[in-house]
Amino acid sequence: MADTIARSAQQLGTTIRRVRKMRALTQGQLGELMNVRQATISKLEKDARSAQLQTLLDALAALDLELVVRERTKGQLRDIEDLF
C-alpha cells in the first residue's frame, strides 16, 4: 500500500475504511480486534473528529498501520482531496 496523506478527520476515516476493506474485514471484525462496537468503527470511518486518540491508534494498530508526523507538504488541499 502506498503512503496516504490525510489532512482532515474525514480523510483519515476514509483511509481507515479503505484499508479495512483491502484487508477484507467487516466493521464488526475490526471492532472485535479493537474491543469496540461496530458502531464505533462506523463513526470513525465517517468522520474521525469525534474519535478519541486511543481509538484511532487502536484502529491503526489493528490494521497494521502507523501514524507518521512530518512537515506538511506544500500542495493545495484540493489536490490532496482528489485522492479521496
N, C-alpha and C. Protein backbone atom coordinates (compact mmCIF):
# COMPACT_ATOMS: atom_id res chain seq x y z
N MET A 1 0.84 -1.18 0.00
CA MET A 1 0.00 0.00 0.00
C MET A 1 0.88 1.24 0.00
N ALA A 2 0.55 2.19 -0.83
CA ALA A 2 1.30 3.44 -0.90
C ALA A 2 0.97 4.32 0.29
N ASP A 3 1.89 5.23 0.61
CA ASP A 3 1.62 6.20 1.67
C ASP A 3 0.40 7.02 1.32
N THR A 4 -0.36 7.38 2.32
CA THR A 4 -1.55 8.20 2.13
C THR A 4 -1.45 9.42 3.03
N ILE A 5 -1.76 10.57 2.48
CA ILE A 5 -1.77 11.80 3.27
C ILE A 5 -3.21 12.11 3.63
N ALA A 6 -3.44 12.37 4.91
CA ALA A 6 -4.77 12.77 5.38
C ALA A 6 -4.61 14.06 6.17
N ARG A 7 -5.32 15.08 5.74
CA ARG A 7 -5.25 16.38 6.41
C ARG A 7 -6.54 16.74 7.13
N SER A 8 -7.49 15.86 7.09
CA SER A 8 -8.75 16.12 7.79
C SER A 8 -9.23 14.82 8.43
N ALA A 9 -10.12 14.96 9.37
CA ALA A 9 -10.68 13.79 10.04
C ALA A 9 -11.44 12.91 9.04
N GLN A 10 -12.12 13.54 8.12
CA GLN A 10 -12.87 12.79 7.11
C GLN A 10 -11.92 11.98 6.23
N GLN A 11 -10.81 12.57 5.83
CA GLN A 11 -9.84 11.85 5.00
C GLN A 11 -9.22 10.69 5.78
N LEU A 12 -8.97 10.90 7.05
CA LEU A 12 -8.41 9.83 7.87
C LEU A 12 -9.41 8.67 8.00
N GLY A 13 -10.66 9.00 8.22
CA GLY A 13 -11.70 7.98 8.30
C GLY A 13 -11.84 7.21 7.00
N THR A 14 -11.75 7.93 5.88
CA THR A 14 -11.82 7.29 4.57
C THR A 14 -10.65 6.33 4.37
N THR A 15 -9.48 6.73 4.82
CA THR A 15 -8.30 5.87 4.71
C THR A 15 -8.47 4.60 5.53
N ILE A 16 -8.98 4.75 6.75
CA ILE A 16 -9.21 3.58 7.60
C ILE A 16 -10.20 2.63 6.93
N ARG A 17 -11.29 3.17 6.38
CA ARG A 17 -12.28 2.34 5.70
C ARG A 17 -11.65 1.63 4.50
N ARG A 18 -10.87 2.35 3.70
CA ARG A 18 -10.25 1.77 2.51
C ARG A 18 -9.33 0.61 2.89
N VAL A 19 -8.51 0.81 3.90
CA VAL A 19 -7.57 -0.24 4.30
C VAL A 19 -8.32 -1.42 4.92
N ARG A 20 -9.36 -1.14 5.71
CA ARG A 20 -10.15 -2.23 6.30
C ARG A 20 -10.71 -3.11 5.19
N LYS A 21 -11.23 -2.49 4.15
CA LYS A 21 -11.80 -3.26 3.04
C LYS A 21 -10.71 -4.01 2.28
N MET A 22 -9.53 -3.41 2.12
CA MET A 22 -8.41 -4.10 1.47
C MET A 22 -8.00 -5.33 2.26
N ARG A 23 -8.15 -5.26 3.58
CA ARG A 23 -7.80 -6.38 4.45
C ARG A 23 -8.96 -7.38 4.57
N ALA A 24 -10.05 -7.13 3.83
CA ALA A 24 -11.23 -7.99 3.80
C ALA A 24 -11.85 -8.16 5.19
N LEU A 25 -11.90 -7.05 5.93
CA LEU A 25 -12.52 -7.06 7.26
C LEU A 25 -13.83 -6.30 7.22
N THR A 26 -14.81 -6.79 7.96
CA THR A 26 -16.04 -6.02 8.16
C THR A 26 -15.79 -5.03 9.30
N GLN A 27 -16.69 -4.09 9.45
CA GLN A 27 -16.60 -3.16 10.58
C GLN A 27 -16.67 -3.94 11.89
N GLY A 28 -17.51 -4.95 11.93
CA GLY A 28 -17.64 -5.77 13.13
C GLY A 28 -16.36 -6.51 13.47
N GLN A 29 -15.71 -7.04 12.45
CA GLN A 29 -14.45 -7.77 12.68
C GLN A 29 -13.35 -6.83 13.18
N LEU A 30 -13.27 -5.64 12.59
CA LEU A 30 -12.29 -4.67 13.06
C LEU A 30 -12.60 -4.27 14.50
N GLY A 31 -13.87 -4.08 14.77
CA GLY A 31 -14.28 -3.76 16.14
C GLY A 31 -13.88 -4.84 17.13
N GLU A 32 -14.02 -6.10 16.74
CA GLU A 32 -13.61 -7.21 17.62
C GLU A 32 -12.11 -7.16 17.89
N LEU A 33 -11.32 -6.86 16.86
CA LEU A 33 -9.87 -6.76 17.05
C LEU A 33 -9.50 -5.64 18.02
N MET A 34 -10.35 -4.60 18.06
CA MET A 34 -10.08 -3.43 18.89
C MET A 34 -10.84 -3.45 20.22
N ASN A 35 -11.72 -4.43 20.39
CA ASN A 35 -12.60 -4.49 21.57
C ASN A 35 -13.53 -3.28 21.66
N VAL A 36 -14.09 -2.90 20.51
CA VAL A 36 -15.09 -1.83 20.46
C VAL A 36 -16.27 -2.32 19.63
N ARG A 37 -17.37 -1.59 19.73
CA ARG A 37 -18.56 -1.97 18.98
C ARG A 37 -18.42 -1.58 17.50
N GLN A 38 -19.18 -2.24 16.66
CA GLN A 38 -19.20 -1.93 15.23
C GLN A 38 -19.59 -0.49 15.01
N ALA A 39 -20.49 0.04 15.82
CA ALA A 39 -20.93 1.43 15.67
C ALA A 39 -19.77 2.40 15.85
N THR A 40 -18.82 2.06 16.71
CA THR A 40 -17.65 2.91 16.90
C THR A 40 -16.82 2.97 15.63
N ILE A 41 -16.68 1.84 14.95
CA ILE A 41 -15.93 1.80 13.69
C ILE A 41 -16.66 2.61 12.63
N SER A 42 -17.96 2.48 12.58
CA SER A 42 -18.74 3.24 11.61
C SER A 42 -18.55 4.74 11.81
N LYS A 43 -18.62 5.20 13.03
CA LYS A 43 -18.43 6.63 13.32
C LYS A 43 -17.01 7.07 12.97
N LEU A 44 -16.03 6.24 13.28
CA LEU A 44 -14.64 6.55 12.99
C LEU A 44 -14.43 6.71 11.48
N GLU A 45 -15.02 5.83 10.71
CA GLU A 45 -14.84 5.87 9.26
C GLU A 45 -15.58 7.04 8.61
N LYS A 46 -16.68 7.44 9.19
CA LYS A 46 -17.43 8.57 8.62
C LYS A 46 -16.74 9.89 8.86
N ASP A 47 -16.23 10.07 10.07
CA ASP A 47 -15.58 11.33 10.43
C ASP A 47 -14.86 11.14 11.75
N ALA A 48 -13.56 11.09 11.71
CA ALA A 48 -12.76 10.77 12.88
C ALA A 48 -12.68 11.91 13.90
N ARG A 49 -13.35 13.04 13.65
CA ARG A 49 -13.27 14.17 14.59
C ARG A 49 -13.72 13.81 15.99
N SER A 50 -14.71 12.98 16.11
CA SER A 50 -15.24 12.66 17.43
C SER A 50 -14.52 11.48 18.08
N ALA A 51 -13.59 10.88 17.37
CA ALA A 51 -12.89 9.70 17.91
C ALA A 51 -11.84 10.11 18.94
N GLN A 52 -11.72 9.30 19.96
CA GLN A 52 -10.64 9.52 20.92
C GLN A 52 -9.33 9.08 20.26
N LEU A 53 -8.26 9.72 20.66
CA LEU A 53 -6.96 9.41 20.09
C LEU A 53 -6.62 7.94 20.25
N GLN A 54 -6.90 7.36 21.41
CA GLN A 54 -6.58 5.95 21.63
C GLN A 54 -7.37 5.05 20.69
N THR A 55 -8.61 5.39 20.41
CA THR A 55 -9.41 4.60 19.47
C THR A 55 -8.80 4.65 18.08
N LEU A 56 -8.37 5.82 17.67
CA LEU A 56 -7.72 5.96 16.38
C LEU A 56 -6.43 5.14 16.33
N LEU A 57 -5.62 5.23 17.36
CA LEU A 57 -4.37 4.47 17.40
C LEU A 57 -4.64 2.96 17.43
N ASP A 58 -5.67 2.55 18.12
CA ASP A 58 -6.04 1.13 18.15
C ASP A 58 -6.47 0.65 16.76
N ALA A 59 -7.21 1.48 16.05
CA ALA A 59 -7.64 1.11 14.69
C ALA A 59 -6.43 0.98 13.78
N LEU A 60 -5.51 1.92 13.86
CA LEU A 60 -4.31 1.85 13.03
C LEU A 60 -3.52 0.59 13.35
N ALA A 61 -3.36 0.28 14.63
CA ALA A 61 -2.61 -0.92 15.03
C ALA A 61 -3.31 -2.19 14.53
N ALA A 62 -4.62 -2.25 14.65
CA ALA A 62 -5.37 -3.43 14.22
C ALA A 62 -5.25 -3.64 12.71
N LEU A 63 -5.06 -2.54 11.97
CA LEU A 63 -4.92 -2.63 10.52
C LEU A 63 -3.45 -2.70 10.09
N ASP A 64 -2.56 -2.81 11.07
CA ASP A 64 -1.12 -2.88 10.82
C ASP A 64 -0.62 -1.62 10.10
N LEU A 65 -1.10 -0.47 10.58
CA LEU A 65 -0.70 0.83 10.05
C LEU A 65 -0.01 1.61 11.16
N GLU A 66 0.68 2.69 10.78
CA GLU A 66 1.29 3.56 11.77
C GLU A 66 1.07 5.01 11.38
N LEU A 67 1.09 5.85 12.36
CA LEU A 67 0.93 7.29 12.16
C LEU A 67 2.32 7.91 12.07
N VAL A 68 2.55 8.70 11.04
CA VAL A 68 3.83 9.38 10.85
C VAL A 68 3.56 10.87 10.87
N VAL A 69 4.32 11.59 11.68
CA VAL A 69 4.19 13.05 11.74
C VAL A 69 5.38 13.65 11.02
N ARG A 70 5.11 14.54 10.09
CA ARG A 70 6.16 15.18 9.32
C ARG A 70 5.71 16.57 8.92
N GLU A 71 6.62 17.34 8.36
CA GLU A 71 6.24 18.66 7.89
C GLU A 71 5.22 18.52 6.78
N ARG A 72 4.31 19.46 6.76
CA ARG A 72 3.24 19.45 5.76
C ARG A 72 3.81 19.73 4.38
N THR A 73 3.34 18.97 3.40
CA THR A 73 3.72 19.24 2.02
C THR A 73 3.05 20.52 1.57
N LYS A 74 3.58 21.12 0.55
CA LYS A 74 3.10 22.43 0.12
C LYS A 74 1.98 22.36 -0.91
N GLY A 75 1.52 21.17 -1.25
CA GLY A 75 0.43 21.04 -2.21
C GLY A 75 -0.86 21.66 -1.70
N GLN A 76 -1.73 22.00 -2.60
CA GLN A 76 -3.02 22.57 -2.25
C GLN A 76 -3.93 21.49 -1.66
N LEU A 77 -4.78 21.89 -0.72
CA LEU A 77 -5.71 20.95 -0.09
C LEU A 77 -6.57 20.26 -1.13
N ARG A 78 -7.02 20.98 -2.14
CA ARG A 78 -7.88 20.36 -3.16
C ARG A 78 -7.13 19.28 -3.94
N ASP A 79 -5.80 19.41 -4.09
CA ASP A 79 -5.01 18.38 -4.75
C ASP A 79 -5.04 17.09 -3.95
N ILE A 80 -4.96 17.23 -2.64
CA ILE A 80 -4.98 16.05 -1.77
C ILE A 80 -6.39 15.47 -1.70
N GLU A 81 -7.41 16.33 -1.69
CA GLU A 81 -8.78 15.85 -1.63
C GLU A 81 -9.12 14.99 -2.83
N ASP A 82 -8.45 15.26 -3.98
CA ASP A 82 -8.71 14.47 -5.18
C ASP A 82 -8.33 13.01 -4.98
N LEU A 83 -7.45 12.72 -4.02
CA LEU A 83 -7.05 11.35 -3.75
C LEU A 83 -8.18 10.56 -3.10
N PHE A 84 -9.14 11.25 -2.52
CA PHE A 84 -10.23 10.58 -1.81
C PHE A 84 -11.43 10.60 -2.66
